[in-house]
PDB file of N, CA and C in Angstrom:
ATOM      1  N   MET A   1      17.224 -41.919 -23.962  1.00  0.00           N
ATOM      2  CA  MET A   1      15.608 -41.534 -23.459  1.00  0.00           C
ATOM      3  C   MET A   1      15.545 -42.059 -22.273  1.00  0.00           C
ATOM      4  N   GLY A   2      16.547 -42.633 -21.372  1.00  0.00           N
ATOM      5  CA  GLY A   2      16.242 -43.007 -20.322  1.00  0.00           C
ATOM      6  C   GLY A   2      16.770 -42.237 -19.290  1.00  0.00           C
ATOM      7  N   GLY A   3      17.849 -41.481 -19.854  1.00  0.00           N
ATOM      8  CA  GLY A   3      18.327 -40.373 -18.857  1.00  0.00           C
ATOM      9  C   GLY A   3      17.527 -39.205 -18.412  1.00  0.00           C
ATOM     10  N   GLU A   4      16.486 -39.143 -19.617  1.00  0.00           N
ATOM     11  CA  GLU A   4      15.459 -37.797 -18.910  1.00  0.00           C
ATOM     12  C   GLU A   4      14.561 -38.247 -17.995  1.00  0.00           C
ATOM     13  N   ILE A   5      14.451 -39.774 -17.897  1.00  0.00           N
ATOM     14  CA  ILE A   5      13.072 -40.124 -17.228  1.00  0.00           C
ATOM     15  C   ILE A   5      13.810 -40.321 -15.587  1.00  0.00           C
ATOM     16  N   ILE A   6      14.976 -40.361 -15.587  1.00  0.00           N
ATOM     17  CA  ILE A   6      16.039 -40.254 -14.291  1.00  0.00           C
ATOM     18  C   ILE A   6      15.970 -39.498 -13.803  1.00  0.00           C
ATOM     19  N   ILE A   7      16.121 -38.323 -14.642  1.00  0.00           N
ATOM     20  CA  ILE A   7      16.858 -36.773 -14.016  1.00  0.00           C
ATOM     21  C   ILE A   7      14.946 -36.431 -13.407  1.00  0.00           C
ATOM     22  N   PHE A   8      13.940 -36.727 -13.818  1.00  0.00           N
ATOM     23  CA  PHE A   8      12.838 -35.940 -13.650  1.00  0.00           C
ATOM     24  C   PHE A   8      12.293 -36.834 -12.486  1.00  0.00           C
ATOM     25  N   ILE A   9      12.615 -37.749 -12.292  1.00  0.00           N
ATOM     26  CA  ILE A   9      12.223 -38.951 -11.185  1.00  0.00           C
ATOM     27  C   ILE A   9      12.952 -38.234  -9.863  1.00  0.00           C
ATOM     28  N   CYS A  10      14.329 -37.881 -10.355  1.00  0.00           N
ATOM     29  CA  CYS A  10      15.007 -37.665  -9.038  1.00  0.00           C
ATOM     30  C   CYS A  10      14.610 -36.141  -8.607  1.00  0.00           C
ATOM     31  N   ILE A  11      14.539 -35.193  -9.714  1.00  0.00           N
ATOM     32  CA  ILE A  11      13.914 -34.043  -8.974  1.00  0.00           C
ATOM     33  C   ILE A  11      12.564 -33.815  -8.392  1.00  0.00           C
ATOM     34  N   PHE A  12      11.689 -34.875  -9.222  1.00  0.00           N
ATOM     35  CA  PHE A  12      10.359 -35.099  -8.008  1.00  0.00           C
ATOM     36  C   PHE A  12      10.781 -35.682  -6.735  1.00  0.00           C
ATOM     37  N   ALA A  13      11.506 -36.767  -7.003  1.00  0.00           N
ATOM     38  CA  ALA A  13      11.773 -37.057  -5.332  1.00  0.00           C
ATOM     39  C   ALA A  13      12.543 -36.184  -4.606  1.00  0.00           C
ATOM     40  N   ALA A  14      13.404 -35.382  -5.002  1.00  0.00           N
ATOM     41  CA  ALA A  14      13.977 -34.319  -3.659  1.00  0.00           C
ATOM     42  C   ALA A  14      12.684 -33.226  -3.511  1.00  0.00           C
ATOM     43  N   ILE A  15      11.978 -33.168  -4.583  1.00  0.00           N
ATOM     44  CA  ILE A  15      10.944 -32.073  -4.135  1.00  0.00           C
ATOM     45  C   ILE A  15      10.056 -32.662  -2.936  1.00  0.00           C
ATOM     46  N   PHE A  16       9.501 -33.943  -3.267  1.00  0.00           N
ATOM     47  CA  PHE A  16       8.894 -34.495  -2.338  1.00  0.00           C
ATOM     48  C   PHE A  16       9.527 -34.816  -1.195  1.00  0.00           C
ATOM     49  N   GLY A  17      10.784 -35.302  -0.859  1.00  0.00           N
ATOM     50  CA  GLY A  17      11.455 -35.578   0.404  1.00  0.00           C
ATOM     51  C   GLY A  17      11.795 -33.970   1.126  1.00  0.00           C
ATOM     52  N   ILE A  18      11.666 -33.117   0.371  1.00  0.00           N
ATOM     53  CA  ILE A  18      11.919 -31.567   1.023  1.00  0.00           C
ATOM     54  C   ILE A  18      10.519 -31.428   1.802  1.00  0.00           C
ATOM     55  N   ALA A  19       9.494 -31.622   1.011  1.00  0.00           N
ATOM     56  CA  ALA A  19       8.057 -31.327   1.803  1.00  0.00           C
ATOM     57  C   ALA A  19       7.589 -31.561   2.931  1.00  0.00           C
ATOM     58  N   TYR A  20       8.358 -33.679   2.616  1.00  0.00           N
ATOM     59  CA  TYR A  20       7.699 -34.199   3.580  1.00  0.00           C
ATOM     60  C   TYR A  20       8.472 -33.800   4.952  1.00  0.00           C
ATOM     61  N   LEU A  21       9.949 -33.459   4.971  1.00  0.00           N
ATOM     62  CA  LEU A  21      10.811 -33.498   5.822  1.00  0.00           C
ATOM     63  C   LEU A  21      10.073 -32.180   6.527  1.00  0.00           C
ATOM     64  N   HIS A  22       9.868 -31.059   5.765  1.00  0.00           N
ATOM     65  CA  HIS A  22       9.136 -29.752   6.411  1.00  0.00           C
ATOM     66  C   HIS A  22       7.745 -30.143   7.208  1.00  0.00           C
ATOM     67  N   TYR A  23       6.775 -30.868   6.579  1.00  0.00           N
ATOM     68  CA  TYR A  23       5.774 -30.711   7.211  1.00  0.00           C
ATOM     69  C   TYR A  23       5.544 -31.639   8.469  1.00  0.00           C
ATOM     70  N   SER A  24       6.502 -33.276   8.415  1.00  0.00           N
ATOM     71  CA  SER A  24       6.310 -33.962   9.423  1.00  0.00           C
ATOM     72  C   SER A  24       7.269 -33.611  10.542  1.00  0.00           C
ATOM     73  N   THR A  25       8.216 -32.408  10.300  1.00  0.00           N
ATOM     74  CA  THR A  25       9.367 -31.967  11.629  1.00  0.00           C
ATOM     75  C   THR A  25       8.363 -30.871  12.397  1.00  0.00           C
ATOM     76  N   ARG A  26       7.564 -30.096  11.477  1.00  0.00           N
ATOM     77  CA  ARG A  26       6.645 -29.182  11.961  1.00  0.00           C
ATOM     78  C   ARG A  26       5.435 -29.993  12.753  1.00  0.00           C
ATOM     79  N   ASN A  27       4.935 -30.799  12.481  1.00  0.00           N
ATOM     80  CA  ASN A  27       3.938 -31.600  13.312  1.00  0.00           C
ATOM     81  C   ASN A  27       4.739 -32.261  14.259  1.00  0.00           C
ATOM     82  N   LYS A  28       5.524 -32.425  14.540  1.00  0.00           N
ATOM     83  CA  LYS A  28       6.160 -33.165  15.516  1.00  0.00           C
ATOM     84  C   LYS A  28       6.997 -32.008  16.288  1.00  0.00           C
ATOM     85  N   GLU A  29       7.272 -31.119  16.195  1.00  0.00           N
ATOM     86  CA  GLU A  29       7.651 -29.711  16.924  1.00  0.00           C
ATOM     87  C   GLU A  29       6.149 -29.380  17.489  1.00  0.00           C
ATOM     88  N   ARG A  30       5.127 -29.088  17.083  1.00  0.00           N
ATOM     89  CA  ARG A  30       3.791 -28.853  17.329  1.00  0.00           C
ATOM     90  C   ARG A  30       3.113 -29.834  18.541  1.00  0.00           C
ATOM     91  N   LEU A  31       3.517 -31.086  18.238  1.00  0.00           N
ATOM     92  CA  LEU A  31       3.061 -32.210  19.555  1.00  0.00           C
ATOM     93  C   LEU A  31       3.462 -32.305  20.475  1.00  0.00           C
ATOM     94  N   ALA A  32       4.883 -31.699  20.474  1.00  0.00           N
ATOM     95  CA  ALA A  32       5.950 -31.698  21.667  1.00  0.00           C
ATOM     96  C   ALA A  32       5.406 -30.458  22.445  1.00  0.00           C
ATOM     97  N   LEU A  33       5.267 -29.597  21.462  1.00  0.00           N
ATOM     98  CA  LEU A  33       4.996 -28.082  22.434  1.00  0.00           C
ATOM     99  C   LEU A  33       3.642 -28.318  22.881  1.00  0.00           C
ATOM    100  N   ILE A  34       2.604 -29.262  22.655  1.00  0.00           N
ATOM    101  CA  ILE A  34       1.163 -29.612  23.344  1.00  0.00           C
ATOM    102  C   ILE A  34       1.453 -30.447  24.098  1.00  0.00           C
ATOM    103  N   GLU A  35       2.512 -31.430  24.432  1.00  0.00           N
ATOM    104  CA  GLU A  35       2.338 -32.317  25.319  1.00  0.00           C
ATOM    105  C   GLU A  35       3.090 -31.927  26.802  1.00  0.00           C
ATOM    106  N   LYS A  36       3.514 -30.724  26.401  1.00  0.00           N
ATOM    107  CA  LYS A  36       4.653 -29.747  27.440  1.00  0.00           C
ATOM    108  C   LYS A  36       3.403 -28.771  27.946  1.00  0.00           C
ATOM    109  N   GLY A  37       2.342 -28.662  27.336  1.00  0.00           N
ATOM    110  CA  GLY A  37       1.510 -27.722  28.106  1.00  0.00           C
ATOM    111  C   GLY A  37       1.866 -26.269  27.486  1.00  0.00           C
ATOM    112  N   MET A  38       2.466 -25.919  26.314  1.00  0.00           N
ATOM    113  CA  MET A  38       2.707 -24.814  25.908  1.00  0.00           C
ATOM    114  C   MET A  38       1.834 -24.203  24.736  1.00  0.00           C
ATOM    115  N   ASP A  39       1.673 -23.242  24.433  1.00  0.00           N
ATOM    116  CA  ASP A  39       0.807 -22.713  23.122  1.00  0.00           C
ATOM    117  C   ASP A  39       1.411 -23.050  22.163  1.00  0.00           C
ATOM    118  N   ALA A  40       1.128 -23.651  21.011  1.00  0.00           N
ATOM    119  CA  ALA A  40       1.484 -23.663  19.672  1.00  0.00           C
ATOM    120  C   ALA A  40       1.066 -22.475  18.845  1.00  0.00           C
ATOM    121  N   GLY A  41       0.522 -21.339  19.631  1.00  0.00           N
ATOM    122  CA  GLY A  41       0.042 -20.215  18.812  1.00  0.00           C
ATOM    123  C   GLY A  41       1.620 -19.523  18.364  1.00  0.00           C
ATOM    124  N   ILE A  42       2.728 -19.786  18.657  1.00  0.00           N
ATOM    125  CA  ILE A  42       4.014 -18.980  18.502  1.00  0.00           C
ATOM    126  C   ILE A  42       4.074 -19.058  17.317  1.00  0.00           C
ATOM    127  N   PHE A  43       3.810 -20.054  16.372  1.00  0.00           N
ATOM    128  CA  PHE A  43       4.238 -20.245  14.586  1.00  0.00           C
ATOM    129  C   PHE A  43       3.435 -19.414  14.007  1.00  0.00           C
ATOM    130  N   LYS A  44       2.141 -18.980  14.491  1.00  0.00           N
ATOM    131  CA  LYS A  44       1.393 -17.991  13.437  1.00  0.00           C
ATOM    132  C   LYS A  44       2.072 -16.650  13.539  1.00  0.00           C
ATOM    133  N   GLN A  45       1.783 -16.125  12.600  1.00  0.00           N
ATOM    134  CA  GLN A  45       2.627 -14.728  12.650  1.00  0.00           C
ATOM    135  C   GLN A  45       1.531 -13.617  12.331  1.00  0.00           C
ATOM    136  N   THR A  46       1.369 -12.951  13.029  1.00  0.00           N
ATOM    137  CA  THR A  46       0.547 -11.711  12.982  1.00  0.00           C
ATOM    138  C   THR A  46       0.615 -10.362  12.715  1.00  0.00           C
ATOM    139  N   ARG A  47       2.066 -10.494  12.051  1.00  0.00           N
ATOM    140  CA  ARG A  47       2.939  -9.393  11.424  1.00  0.00           C
ATOM    141  C   ARG A  47       1.969  -8.519  10.610  1.00  0.00           C
ATOM    142  N   GLU A  48       1.845  -6.986  10.549  1.00  0.00           N
ATOM    143  CA  GLU A  48       1.425  -6.551   9.621  1.00  0.00           C
ATOM    144  C   GLU A  48       2.640  -6.001   8.875  1.00  0.00           C
ATOM    145  N   THR A  49       1.905  -6.579   7.547  1.00  0.00           N
ATOM    146  CA  THR A  49       3.073  -6.485   5.983  1.00  0.00           C
ATOM    147  C   THR A  49       2.261  -5.309   5.188  1.00  0.00           C
ATOM    148  N   ALA A  50       3.141  -4.981   4.444  1.00  0.00           N
ATOM    149  CA  ALA A  50       2.642  -4.440   3.288  1.00  0.00           C
ATOM    150  C   ALA A  50       1.850  -5.387   1.811  1.00  0.00           C
ATOM    151  N   PRO A  51       0.819  -5.250   1.385  1.00  0.00           N
ATOM    152  CA  PRO A  51       0.810  -5.887   0.186  1.00  0.00           C
ATOM    153  C   PRO A  51       1.638  -6.103  -0.511  1.00  0.00           C
ATOM    154  N   ILE A  52       1.614  -7.462  -1.353  1.00  0.00           N
ATOM    155  CA  ILE A  52       2.596  -7.935  -2.182  1.00  0.00           C
ATOM    156  C   ILE A  52       2.939  -7.326  -3.142  1.00  0.00           C
ATOM    157  N   TRP A  53       1.381  -6.945  -3.800  1.00  0.00           N
ATOM    158  CA  TRP A  53       1.585  -6.166  -5.284  1.00  0.00           C
ATOM    159  C   TRP A  53       2.135  -4.831  -5.207  1.00  0.00           C
ATOM    160  N   LYS A  54       2.417  -3.892  -3.839  1.00  0.00           N
ATOM    161  CA  LYS A  54       2.446  -2.689  -3.936  1.00  0.00           C
ATOM    162  C   LYS A  54       4.321  -3.089  -3.574  1.00  0.00           C
ATOM    163  N   VAL A  55       4.791  -3.998  -2.889  1.00  0.00           N
ATOM    164  CA  VAL A  55       6.098  -4.088  -3.214  1.00  0.00           C
ATOM    165  C   VAL A  55       6.371  -4.451  -4.435  1.00  0.00           C
ATOM    166  N   LEU A  56       6.064  -5.251  -5.065  1.00  0.00           N
ATOM    167  CA  LEU A  56       6.565  -6.008  -6.524  1.00  0.00           C
ATOM    168  C   LEU A  56       6.227  -4.596  -7.661  1.00  0.00           C
ATOM    169  N   ILE A  57       5.196  -3.973  -7.524  1.00  0.00           N
ATOM    170  CA  ILE A  57       5.321  -2.891  -8.739  1.00  0.00           C
ATOM    171  C   ILE A  57       6.254  -1.493  -8.181  1.00  0.00           C
ATOM    172  N   LEU A  58       6.704  -1.545  -6.857  1.00  0.00           N
ATOM    173  CA  LEU A  58       7.399  -0.374  -6.479  1.00  0.00           C
ATOM    174  C   LEU A  58       9.160  -0.650  -7.003  1.00  0.00           C
ATOM    175  N   ASN A  59       9.261  -2.180  -6.735  1.00  0.00           N
ATOM    176  CA  ASN A  59      10.588  -2.468  -7.136  1.00  0.00           C
ATOM    177  C   ASN A  59      10.560  -2.599  -8.535  1.00  0.00           C
ATOM    178  N   LEU A  60       9.663  -3.439  -9.443  1.00  0.00           N
ATOM    179  CA  LEU A  60       9.669  -3.427 -10.664  1.00  0.00           C
ATOM    180  C   LEU A  60       9.801  -1.704 -11.309  1.00  0.00           C
ATOM    181  N   ALA A  61       9.034  -0.825 -10.909  1.00  0.00           N
ATOM    182  CA  ALA A  61       9.035   0.535 -11.278  1.00  0.00           C
ATOM    183  C   ALA A  61      10.548   1.118 -11.189  1.00  0.00           C
ATOM    184  N   LEU A  62      11.209   1.050  -9.813  1.00  0.00           N
ATOM    185  CA  LEU A  62      12.415   1.340  -9.550  1.00  0.00           C
ATOM    186  C   LEU A  62      13.591   0.820 -10.520  1.00  0.00           C
ATOM    187  N   LEU A  63      13.385  -0.497 -10.917  1.00  0.00           N
ATOM    188  CA  LEU A  63      14.456  -1.533 -11.490  1.00  0.00           C
ATOM    189  C   LEU A  63      14.215  -0.810 -12.914  1.00  0.00           C
ATOM    190  N   LEU A  64      13.081  -0.567 -13.524  1.00  0.00           N
ATOM    191  CA  LEU A  64      13.118   0.035 -14.819  1.00  0.00           C
ATOM    192  C   LEU A  64      13.652   1.320 -15.101  1.00  0.00           C
ATOM    193  N   MET A  65      13.269   1.963 -14.028  1.00  0.00           N
ATOM    194  CA  MET A  65      13.577   3.285 -13.798  1.00  0.00           C
ATOM    195  C   MET A  65      15.342   3.560 -13.777  1.00  0.00           C
ATOM    196  N   GLY A  66      15.504   2.580 -13.307  1.00  0.00           N
ATOM    197  CA  GLY A  66      17.310   2.144 -13.270  1.00  0.00           C
ATOM    198  C   GLY A  66      17.858   1.706 -14.230  1.00  0.00           C
ATOM    199  N   ILE A  67      17.266   0.969 -15.114  1.00  0.00           N
ATOM    200  CA  ILE A  67      17.735   0.707 -16.670  1.00  0.00           C
ATOM    201  C   ILE A  67      17.637   1.511 -17.725  1.00  0.00           C
ATOM    202  N   GLY A  68      16.812   2.404 -17.568  1.00  0.00           N
ATOM    203  CA  GLY A  68      16.683   3.574 -18.563  1.00  0.00           C
ATOM    204  C   GLY A  68      17.405   4.495 -17.935  1.00  0.00           C
ATOM    205  N   LEU A  69      17.789   4.990 -16.807  1.00  0.00           N
ATOM    206  CA  LEU A  69      18.793   5.844 -16.154  1.00  0.00           C
ATOM    207  C   LEU A  69      20.157   5.348 -16.752  1.00  0.00           C
ATOM    208  N   GLY A  70      20.312   4.066 -16.672  1.00  0.00           N
ATOM    209  CA  GLY A  70      21.728   3.398 -17.106  1.00  0.00           C
ATOM    210  C   GLY A  70      22.180   3.452 -18.089  1.00  0.00           C
ATOM    211  N   ILE A  71      21.065   3.585 -19.282  1.00  0.00           N
ATOM    212  CA  ILE A  71      21.207   3.588 -20.928  1.00  0.00           C
ATOM    213  C   ILE A  71      21.522   5.400 -20.743  1.00  0.00           C
ATOM    214  N   LEU A  72      20.974   5.971 -20.202  1.00  0.00           N
ATOM    215  CA  LEU A  72      20.838   7.481 -20.620  1.00  0.00           C
ATOM    216  C   LEU A  72      22.276   7.677 -20.007  1.00  0.00           C
ATOM    217  N   VAL A  73      22.845   7.363 -18.829  1.00  0.00           N
ATOM    218  CA  VAL A  73      24.227   7.706 -18.420  1.00  0.00           C
ATOM    219  C   VAL A  73      25.180   7.193 -19.320  1.00  0.00           C
ATOM    220  N   ALA A  74      25.207   6.033 -19.688  1.00  0.00           N
ATOM    221  CA  ALA A  74      26.049   4.993 -20.819  1.00  0.00           C
ATOM    222  C   ALA A  74      25.941   5.911 -21.934  1.00  0.00           C
ATOM    223  N   LEU A  75      25.041   6.499 -22.667  1.00  0.00           N
ATOM    224  CA  LEU A  75      24.925   7.686 -23.841  1.00  0.00           C
ATOM    225  C   LEU A  75      25.837   8.739 -23.776  1.00  0.00           C
ATOM    226  N   MET A  76      25.676   9.324 -22.727  1.00  0.00           N
ATOM    227  CA  MET A  76      26.205  10.483 -21.907  1.00  0.00           C
ATOM    228  C   MET A  76      28.109   9.946 -21.681  1.00  0.00           C
ATOM    229  N   LEU A  77      28.105   9.235 -21.234  1.00  0.00           N
ATOM    230  CA  LEU A  77      29.400   8.956 -20.989  1.00  0.00           C
ATOM    231  C   LEU A  77      30.133   8.462 -22.532  1.00  0.00           C
ATOM    232  N   GLU A  78      29.206   7.953 -23.335  1.00  0.00           N
ATOM    233  CA  GLU A  78      30.155   7.392 -25.070  1.00  0.00           C
ATOM    234  C   GLU A  78      30.326   8.735 -25.460  1.00  0.00           C
ATOM    235  N   GLU A  79      29.298   9.857 -25.168  1.00  0.00           N
ATOM    236  CA  GLU A  79      29.423  10.697 -25.845  1.00  0.00           C
ATOM    237  C   GLU A  79      30.692  11.625 -25.400  1.00  0.00           C
ATOM    238  N   ALA A  80      30.937  11.582 -24.178  1.00  0.00           N
ATOM    239  CA  ALA A  80      31.927  12.293 -23.316  1.00  0.00           C
ATOM    240  C   ALA A  80      33.235  12.000 -23.867  1.00  0.00           C
ATOM    241  N   VAL A  81      33.404  10.473 -23.518  1.00  0.00           N
ATOM    242  CA  VAL A  81      34.715   9.378 -23.475  1.00  0.00           C
ATOM    243  C   VAL A  81      35.049   9.277 -24.896  1.00  0.00           C
ATOM    244  N   GLY A  82      33.961   8.586 -25.420  1.00  0.00           N
ATOM    245  CA  GLY A  82      34.280   7.878 -26.783  1.00  0.00           C
ATOM    246  C   GLY A  82      34.542   6.463 -26.807  1.00  0.00           C
ATOM    247  N   TYR A  83      34.662   5.979 -25.720  1.00  0.00           N
ATOM    248  CA  TYR A  83      34.761   4.479 -25.046  1.00  0.00           C
ATOM    249  C   TYR A  83      33.585   3.837 -25.008  1.00  0.00           C
ATOM    250  N   LYS A  84      33.073   2.751 -25.830  1.00  0.00           N
ATOM    251  CA  LYS A  84      31.869   2.098 -25.802  1.00  0.00           C
ATOM    252  C   LYS A  84      31.692   0.333 -25.616  1.00  0.00           C
ATOM    253  N   ASP A  85      32.950  -0.227 -25.300  1.00  0.00           N
ATOM    254  CA  ASP A  85      32.884  -1.374 -25.305  1.00  0.00           C
ATOM    255  C   ASP A  85      32.333  -2.014 -24.274  1.00  0.00           C
ATOM    256  N   ALA A  86      32.506  -1.969 -23.070  1.00  0.00           N
ATOM    257  CA  ALA A  86      31.883  -2.551 -21.759  1.00  0.00           C
ATOM    258  C   ALA A  86      30.995  -1.459 -21.147  1.00  0.00           C
ATOM    259  N   LEU A  87      30.707  -0.694 -21.565  1.00  0.00           N
ATOM    260  CA  LEU A  87      30.392   0.587 -20.819  1.00  0.00           C
ATOM    261  C   LEU A  87      28.849   0.550 -20.788  1.00  0.00           C
ATOM    262  N   TYR A  88      28.268  -0.012 -21.721  1.00  0.00           N
ATOM    263  CA  TYR A  88      26.606   0.086 -21.450  1.00  0.00           C
ATOM    264  C   TYR A  88      26.347  -1.031 -20.730  1.00  0.00           C
ATOM    265  N   PRO A  89      26.484  -2.408 -20.545  1.00  0.00           N
ATOM    266  CA  PRO A  89      26.247  -3.079 -19.464  1.00  0.00           C
ATOM    267  C   PRO A  89      26.667  -2.929 -18.156  1.00  0.00           C
ATOM    268  N   GLY A  90      28.131  -2.511 -17.847  1.00  0.00           N
ATOM    269  CA  GLY A  90      28.270  -2.047 -16.610  1.00  0.00           C
ATOM    270  C   GLY A  90      27.598  -1.008 -16.055  1.00  0.00           C
ATOM    271  N   VAL A  91      27.260   0.104 -16.918  1.00  0.00           N
ATOM    272  CA  VAL A  91      26.271   1.407 -16.314  1.00  0.00           C
ATOM    273  C   VAL A  91      24.985   1.001 -16.122  1.00  0.00           C
ATOM    274  N   ILE A  92      24.574  -0.408 -16.936  1.00  0.00           N
ATOM    275  CA  ILE A  92      23.166  -0.295 -16.847  1.00  0.00           C
ATOM    276  C   ILE A  92      23.100  -1.198 -15.375  1.00  0.00           C
ATOM    277  N   PHE A  93      23.908  -2.132 -15.272  1.00  0.00           N
ATOM    278  CA  PHE A  93      23.437  -2.891 -14.209  1.00  0.00           C
ATOM    279  C   PHE A  93      23.936  -2.266 -12.875  1.00  0.00           C
ATOM    280  N   LEU A  94      24.923  -1.302 -12.975  1.00  0.00           N
ATOM    281  CA  LEU A  94      25.022  -0.506 -11.651  1.00  0.00           C
ATOM    282  C   LEU A  94      23.860   0.200 -11.641  1.00  0.00           C
ATOM    283  N   MET A  95      23.031   1.023 -12.451  1.00  0.00           N
ATOM    284  CA  MET A  95      21.788   1.793 -12.003  1.00  0.00           C
ATOM    285  C   MET A  95      21.038   0.907 -12.049  1.00  0.00           C
ATOM    286  N   ALA A  96      20.623  -0.075 -12.427  1.00  0.00           N
ATOM    287  CA  ALA A  96      19.856  -1.222 -12.121  1.00  0.00           C
ATOM    288  C   ALA A  96      19.801  -1.666 -10.504  1.00  0.00           C
ATOM    289  N   GLY A  97      21.300  -2.073 -10.089  1.00  0.00           N
ATOM    290  CA  GLY A  97      21.415  -2.366  -8.649  1.00  0.00           C
ATOM    291  C   GLY A  97      20.971  -1.459  -7.924  1.00  0.00           C
ATOM    292  N   THR A  98      21.272  -0.083  -8.411  1.00  0.00           N
ATOM    293  CA  THR A  98      21.008   1.046  -7.320  1.00  0.00           C
ATOM    294  C   THR A  98      19.396   1.060  -7.071  1.00  0.00           C
ATOM    295  N   GLY A  99      18.757   1.199  -8.206  1.00  0.00           N
ATOM    296  CA  GLY A  99      17.074   1.074  -8.419  1.00  0.00           C
ATOM    297  C   GLY A  99      16.933   0.054  -7.430  1.00  0.00           C
ATOM    298  N   LEU A 100      17.342  -1.445  -7.653  1.00  0.00           N
ATOM    299  CA  LEU A 100      16.892  -2.199  -6.647  1.00  0.00           C
ATOM    300  C   LEU A 100      17.143  -1.988  -5.111  1.00  0.00           C
ATOM    301  N   LEU A 101      17.968  -1.485  -4.700  1.00  0.00           N
ATOM    302  CA  LEU A 101      18.821  -1.061  -3.467  1.00  0.00           C
ATOM    303  C   LEU A 101      17.740   0.061  -2.995  1.00  0.00           C
ATOM    304  N   THR A 102      17.314   1.037  -3.618  1.00  0.00           N
ATOM    305  CA  THR A 102      16.636   1.957  -3.411  1.00  0.00           C
ATOM    306  C   THR A 102      15.299   1.357  -3.184  1.00  0.00           C
ATOM    307  N   GLY A 103      15.034   0.625  -3.895  1.00  0.00           N
ATOM    308  CA  GLY A 103      13.425  -0.169  -3.585  1.00  0.00           C
ATOM    309  C   GLY A 103      13.277  -1.250  -2.132  1.00  0.00           C
ATOM    310  N   PHE A 104      14.562  -1.530  -1.977  1.00  0.00           N
ATOM    311  CA  PHE A 104      14.631  -2.223  -0.832  1.00  0.00           C
ATOM    312  C   PHE A 104      14.455  -1.456   0.733  1.00  0.00           C
ATOM    313  N   PHE A 105      14.937  -0.097   0.257  1.00  0.00           N
ATOM    314  CA  PHE A 105      14.864   0.939   1.560  1.00  0.00           C
ATOM    315  C   PHE A 105      13.358   1.413   1.452  1.00  0.00           C
ATOM    316  N   LEU A 106      13.079   1.523   0.154  1.00  0.00           N
ATOM    317  CA  LEU A 106      11.775   2.291   0.358  1.00  0.00           C
ATOM    318  C   LEU A 106      10.996   1.075   0.987  1.00  0.00           C
ATOM    319  N   THR A 107      11.035  -0.217   0.328  1.00  0.00           N
ATOM    320  CA  THR A 107      10.068  -1.036   0.943  1.00  0.00           C
ATOM    321  C   THR A 107       9.928  -1.457   2.514  1.00  0.00           C
ATOM    322  N   ARG A 108      11.187  -1.059   3.025  1.00  0.00           N
ATOM    323  CA  ARG A 108      11.316  -1.318   4.371  1.00  0.00           C
ATOM    324  C   ARG A 108      10.711  -0.183   5.350  1.00  0.00           C
ATOM    325  N   LYS A 109      10.624   0.951   4.583  1.00  0.00           N
ATOM    326  CA  LYS A 109       9.721   1.985   4.924  1.00  0.00           C
ATOM    327  C   LYS A 109       8.243   1.835   4.792  1.00  0.00           C
ATOM    328  N   LEU A 110       7.937   1.386   3.954  1.00  0.00           N
ATOM    329  CA  LEU A 110       6.540   1.183   3.309  1.00  0.00           C
ATOM    330  C   LEU A 110       6.172   0.250   4.676  1.00  0.00           C
ATOM    331  N   VAL A 111       6.748  -0.880   4.689  1.00  0.00           N
ATOM    332  CA  VAL A 111       6.193  -1.712   5.995  1.00  0.00           C
ATOM    333  C   VAL A 111       5.801  -1.319   7.182  1.00  0.00           C
ATOM    334  N   LYS A 112       6.783  -0.256   7.450  1.00  0.00           N
ATOM    335  CA  LYS A 112       6.800   0.427   9.156  1.00  0.00           C
ATOM    336  C   LYS A 112       5.834   1.471   8.730  1.00  0.00           C
TER     337      LYS A 112
END
């Protein structure tokens, strides 16, 4: 019973430590810039990006289309070759990865 509590405390301490280091370091960097008379506005990113919901829907749609295409191709290969042991997972993962790669390139075009 004591082990679960120790693990929970360690995870919480690690998350707190990472957040503390992030915010304290960021504050020190900005104070150093202000002391030198430089503008701290370089940390603000005003880049135009696509809405996150469009990117998620595009990638999810292409992933599901890749899985469906993978099942279809695996079924066709099974009928043609007659081998089915590792055919389905291999082709499904291959087509799903192809769909995600296509989603990456389309997302990059969407941002531009």
